[in-house]
């Protein structure tokens, strides 16, 4: 991979109204290597910044109405996602695999030199044959993304994520389990990172490259420091 930073990186972010996407967006807005950010969301993210542009679009299965705004970008940080809790496999498949692939296929056609960074999750099943439904679907999504004609695809598999201070879109349950962070850091450091580290790692993957396409938590932490 090219280890030289690419000046003036223009990035697309999905999921900026969620916890992970907001955390990654914050890092992009702080980093001088990222000169422009286009957030594609179903509703405004609530952040204003000179580098940030927003496209409000409700149907991620049909991007034809906004395709003219999606060209000439260097990176996509795909942070959109849903929990599998309470979902049947067909519904989760549609909201995870089908949605992600439609967006990715569109971007690959418009930006063949793009680096695509996908937020997956720790425990994702690359074999696509395990017993855990969400892990199979995420594994299939990762595998299919790596077959698309992008410059590079990186699949990020974070575990427990510590939010960045001041974020708006922190999941409610983090308010009750945040006190566990030091304990998790002490007993299971391979399964915890900060959202700042994830954002930094995604930016560095897009601008400097990395030797692996699937990044577990230790990879995320290492890449964040490059």
Protein backbone atom coordinates (compact mmCIF):
# COMPACT_ATOMS: atom_id res chain seq x y z
CA UNK A 1 0.00 0.00 0.00
CA UNK A 2 1.04 3.57 -0.61
CA UNK A 3 2.39 5.00 2.62
CA UNK A 4 2.54 8.59 1.40
CA UNK A 5 -0.32 10.84 2.49
CA UNK A 6 -2.58 11.97 -0.30
CA UNK A 7 -3.15 15.73 -0.02
CA UNK A 8 -6.65 17.10 -0.11
CA UNK A 9 -8.65 13.96 0.62
CA UNK A 10 -12.37 14.38 -0.04
CA UNK A 11 -14.51 11.94 1.93
CA UNK A 12 -18.10 10.74 1.98
CA UNK A 13 -19.57 9.62 5.31
CA UNK A 14 -22.74 7.64 5.87
CA UNK A 15 -24.31 7.26 9.30
CA UNK A 16 -23.27 10.67 10.64
CA UNK A 17 -26.48 10.82 12.70
CA UNK A 18 -25.43 7.68 14.59
CA UNK A 19 -22.80 7.27 17.28
CA UNK A 20 -20.08 5.72 15.14
CA UNK A 21 -20.60 8.05 12.20
CA UNK A 22 -20.60 11.13 14.39
CA UNK A 23 -17.34 10.06 16.01
CA UNK A 24 -15.69 9.51 12.63
CA UNK A 25 -17.09 12.80 11.31
CA UNK A 26 -15.60 14.71 14.24
CA UNK A 27 -12.15 13.33 13.44
CA UNK A 28 -12.50 14.16 9.74
CA UNK A 29 -13.42 17.75 10.52
CA UNK A 30 -10.37 18.10 12.78
CA UNK A 31 -7.88 16.52 10.36
CA UNK A 32 -6.19 18.84 7.85
CA UNK A 33 -5.61 15.91 5.48
CA UNK A 34 -9.38 15.77 4.90
CA UNK A 35 -10.36 18.89 2.99
CA UNK A 36 -14.03 18.15 2.34
CA UNK A 37 -16.67 15.90 3.90
CA UNK A 38 -20.00 15.00 2.35
CA UNK A 39 -22.43 13.48 4.85
CA UNK A 40 -25.29 11.49 3.32
CA UNK A 41 -28.06 11.03 5.86
CA UNK A 42 -31.81 10.72 6.22
CA UNK A 43 -31.83 13.74 8.53
CA UNK A 44 -29.42 16.58 9.40
CA UNK A 45 -26.50 15.58 11.61
CA UNK A 46 -26.66 18.79 13.65
CA UNK A 47 -23.05 19.81 12.99
CA UNK A 48 -21.95 22.84 10.98
CA UNK A 49 -18.39 23.27 9.71
CA UNK A 50 -16.75 24.94 6.68
CA UNK A 51 -15.56 21.53 5.39
CA UNK A 52 -18.93 19.80 5.82
CA UNK A 53 -21.63 19.44 3.18
CA UNK A 54 -24.81 17.46 3.74
CA UNK A 55 -27.15 15.61 1.43
CA UNK A 56 -30.46 14.61 2.98
CA UNK A 57 -31.73 11.51 1.22
CA UNK A 58 -34.23 8.97 2.51
CA UNK A 59 -33.89 6.07 0.07
CA UNK A 60 -30.43 4.51 0.18
CA UNK A 61 -31.59 1.80 -2.23
CA UNK A 62 -32.00 4.43 -4.95
CA UNK A 63 -29.29 7.11 -5.17
CA UNK A 64 -30.13 8.24 -8.72
CA UNK A 65 -31.48 11.60 -7.53
CA UNK A 66 -28.18 12.52 -5.86
CA UNK A 67 -25.62 10.75 -8.07
CA UNK A 68 -24.48 14.05 -9.57
CA UNK A 69 -23.20 15.04 -6.11
CA UNK A 70 -21.30 11.83 -5.36
CA UNK A 71 -18.48 11.97 -7.90
CA UNK A 72 -14.84 12.99 -7.47
CA UNK A 73 -14.41 11.69 -3.91
CA UNK A 74 -11.32 9.87 -2.64
CA UNK A 75 -12.78 7.95 0.30
CA UNK A 76 -16.00 6.66 1.78
CA UNK A 77 -16.34 6.02 5.50
CA UNK A 78 -19.40 3.78 5.68
CA UNK A 79 -20.62 4.00 9.27
CA UNK A 80 -24.34 3.40 8.76
CA UNK A 81 -25.73 0.29 10.39
CA UNK A 82 -28.48 -1.22 12.49
CA UNK A 83 -28.62 -3.58 15.46
CA UNK A 84 -29.72 -7.13 14.72
CA UNK A 85 -31.59 -7.37 18.03
CA UNK A 86 -35.13 -8.54 17.39
CA UNK A 87 -34.66 -8.82 13.63
CA UNK A 88 -35.28 -11.75 11.33
CA UNK A 89 -32.40 -12.57 9.00
CA UNK A 90 -34.21 -11.38 5.86
CA UNK A 91 -34.82 -7.93 7.34
CA UNK A 92 -31.29 -7.61 8.71
CA UNK A 93 -29.87 -8.77 5.37
CA UNK A 94 -31.81 -6.07 3.53
CA UNK A 95 -30.78 -3.30 5.94
CA UNK A 96 -27.15 -4.41 6.15
CA UNK A 97 -25.96 -6.30 3.08
CA UNK A 98 -28.34 -5.02 0.40
CA UNK A 99 -28.22 -1.37 1.48
CA UNK A 100 -24.44 -1.30 1.90
CA UNK A 101 -23.82 -3.00 -1.42
CA UNK A 102 -26.14 -0.68 -3.33
CA UNK A 103 -24.35 2.40 -1.99
CA UNK A 104 -20.93 0.81 -2.55
CA UNK A 105 -21.70 -0.31 -6.10
CA UNK A 106 -22.87 3.20 -6.96
CA UNK A 107 -19.75 4.80 -5.50
CA UNK A 108 -17.43 2.28 -7.18
CA UNK A 109 -18.96 3.17 -10.53
CA UNK A 110 -18.61 6.92 -9.91
CA UNK A 111 -15.25 6.84 -8.09
CA UNK A 112 -13.11 3.86 -9.16
CA UNK A 113 -10.07 5.34 -7.39
CA UNK A 114 -11.94 5.54 -4.07
CA UNK A 115 -10.87 3.85 -0.83
CA UNK A 116 -13.93 2.34 0.86
CA UNK A 117 -13.82 1.90 4.65
CA UNK A 118 -16.61 -0.21 6.11
CA UNK A 119 -17.48 -0.42 9.80
CA UNK A 120 -18.28 -4.04 10.50
CA UNK A 121 -17.81 -5.47 13.99
CA UNK A 122 -15.74 -7.74 16.20
CA UNK A 123 -16.82 -11.34 15.71
CA UNK A 124 -17.77 -10.96 12.05
CA UNK A 125 -17.80 -14.34 10.27
CA UNK A 126 -15.74 -14.29 7.08
CA UNK A 127 -16.79 -17.87 6.29
CA UNK A 128 -20.45 -16.76 6.07
CA UNK A 129 -21.38 -20.16 7.50
CA UNK A 130 -21.42 -19.70 11.29
CA UNK A 131 -24.41 -19.98 13.62
CA UNK A 132 -24.61 -16.26 14.49
CA UNK A 133 -26.89 -14.52 12.01
CA UNK A 134 -25.50 -10.99 12.16
CA UNK A 135 -21.92 -12.26 11.91
CA UNK A 136 -22.73 -14.22 8.73
CA UNK A 137 -24.41 -11.21 7.12
CA UNK A 138 -21.57 -8.88 8.06
CA UNK A 139 -19.07 -11.43 6.74
CA UNK A 140 -20.87 -11.66 3.43
CA UNK A 141 -20.94 -7.86 3.25
CA UNK A 142 -17.19 -7.62 3.88
CA UNK A 143 -16.42 -10.30 1.30
CA UNK A 144 -18.62 -8.74 -1.36
CA UNK A 145 -17.20 -5.27 -0.78
CA UNK A 146 -13.67 -6.57 -1.36
CA UNK A 147 -14.76 -7.82 -4.78
CA UNK A 148 -15.86 -4.37 -5.97
CA UNK A 149 -13.57 -2.33 -8.25
CA UNK A 150 -12.48 0.19 -5.64
CA UNK A 151 -8.86 1.25 -5.23
CA UNK A 152 -8.93 -0.49 -1.84
CA UNK A 153 -11.50 -1.75 0.67
CA UNK A 154 -10.84 -1.86 4.41
CA UNK A 155 -13.19 -3.63 6.82
CA UNK A 156 -13.02 -2.32 10.38
CA UNK A 157 -14.10 -4.62 13.22
CA UNK A 158 -14.37 -2.53 16.38
CA UNK A 159 -15.56 -3.99 19.67
CA UNK A 160 -16.63 -1.82 22.57
CA UNK A 161 -16.28 1.80 21.51
CA UNK A 162 -15.69 4.63 23.95
CA UNK A 163 -17.50 7.78 22.74
CA UNK A 164 -15.75 11.08 22.17
CA UNK A 165 -16.56 13.72 24.77
CA UNK A 166 -19.29 16.11 23.67
CA UNK A 167 -20.92 13.82 21.13
CA UNK A 168 -24.68 14.21 20.56
CA UNK A 169 -25.59 10.76 19.31
CA UNK A 170 -24.33 8.48 22.06
CA UNK A 171 -26.43 5.34 22.57
CA UNK A 172 -28.52 5.51 25.73
CA UNK A 173 -27.07 2.39 27.29
CA UNK A 174 -23.58 3.93 27.28
CA UNK A 175 -24.77 6.25 30.03
CA UNK A 176 -25.21 3.21 32.26
CA UNK A 177 -22.19 1.12 31.28
CA UNK A 178 -19.60 3.84 30.74
CA UNK A 179 -18.15 3.12 34.17
CA UNK A 180 -17.09 -0.30 32.83
CA UNK A 181 -14.62 1.25 30.38
CA UNK A 182 -11.56 1.14 32.69
CA UNK A 183 -12.39 -2.47 33.62
CA UNK A 184 -12.70 -3.55 29.98
CA UNK A 185 -9.45 -1.77 29.20
CA UNK A 186 -7.76 -3.69 32.00
CA UNK A 187 -9.09 -7.19 31.33
CA UNK A 188 -9.87 -7.17 27.60
CA UNK A 189 -7.84 -4.46 25.83
CA UNK A 190 -8.17 -6.30 22.50
CA UNK A 191 -11.91 -5.64 22.50
CA UNK A 192 -12.07 -1.93 23.29
CA UNK A 193 -11.01 1.25 21.53
CA UNK A 194 -12.14 4.84 21.38
CA UNK A 195 -14.20 6.38 18.62
CA UNK A 196 -11.33 8.80 18.17
CA UNK A 197 -9.02 5.86 17.42
CA UNK A 198 -11.52 4.40 14.96
CA UNK A 199 -11.87 7.74 13.16
CA UNK A 200 -8.12 8.29 13.07
CA UNK A 201 -7.57 4.75 11.79
CA UNK A 202 -10.10 5.15 8.98
CA UNK A 203 -8.55 8.44 7.88
CA UNK A 204 -5.06 6.93 7.95
CA UNK A 205 -6.22 3.90 5.99
CA UNK A 206 -7.58 6.18 3.28
CA UNK A 207 -4.59 8.51 3.18
CA UNK A 208 -1.65 6.26 4.04
CA UNK A 209 -2.80 2.68 3.52
CA UNK A 210 -2.51 -0.45 5.66
CA UNK A 211 -1.22 -3.97 5.05
CA UNK A 212 -4.48 -5.70 6.04
CA UNK A 213 -7.96 -5.34 4.59
CA UNK A 214 -9.65 -6.68 7.72
CA UNK A 215 -8.76 -4.70 10.82
CA UNK A 216 -9.45 -6.04 14.31
CA UNK A 217 -9.22 -3.81 17.39
CA UNK A 218 -5.40 -4.07 17.78
CA UNK A 219 -5.05 -3.07 14.10
CA UNK A 220 -7.37 -0.12 14.63
CA UNK A 221 -5.34 1.10 17.58
CA UNK A 222 -2.05 0.66 15.70
CA UNK A 223 -3.27 2.41 12.56
CA UNK A 224 -4.65 5.30 14.57
CA UNK A 225 -1.11 6.12 15.71
CA UNK A 226 0.52 6.19 12.25
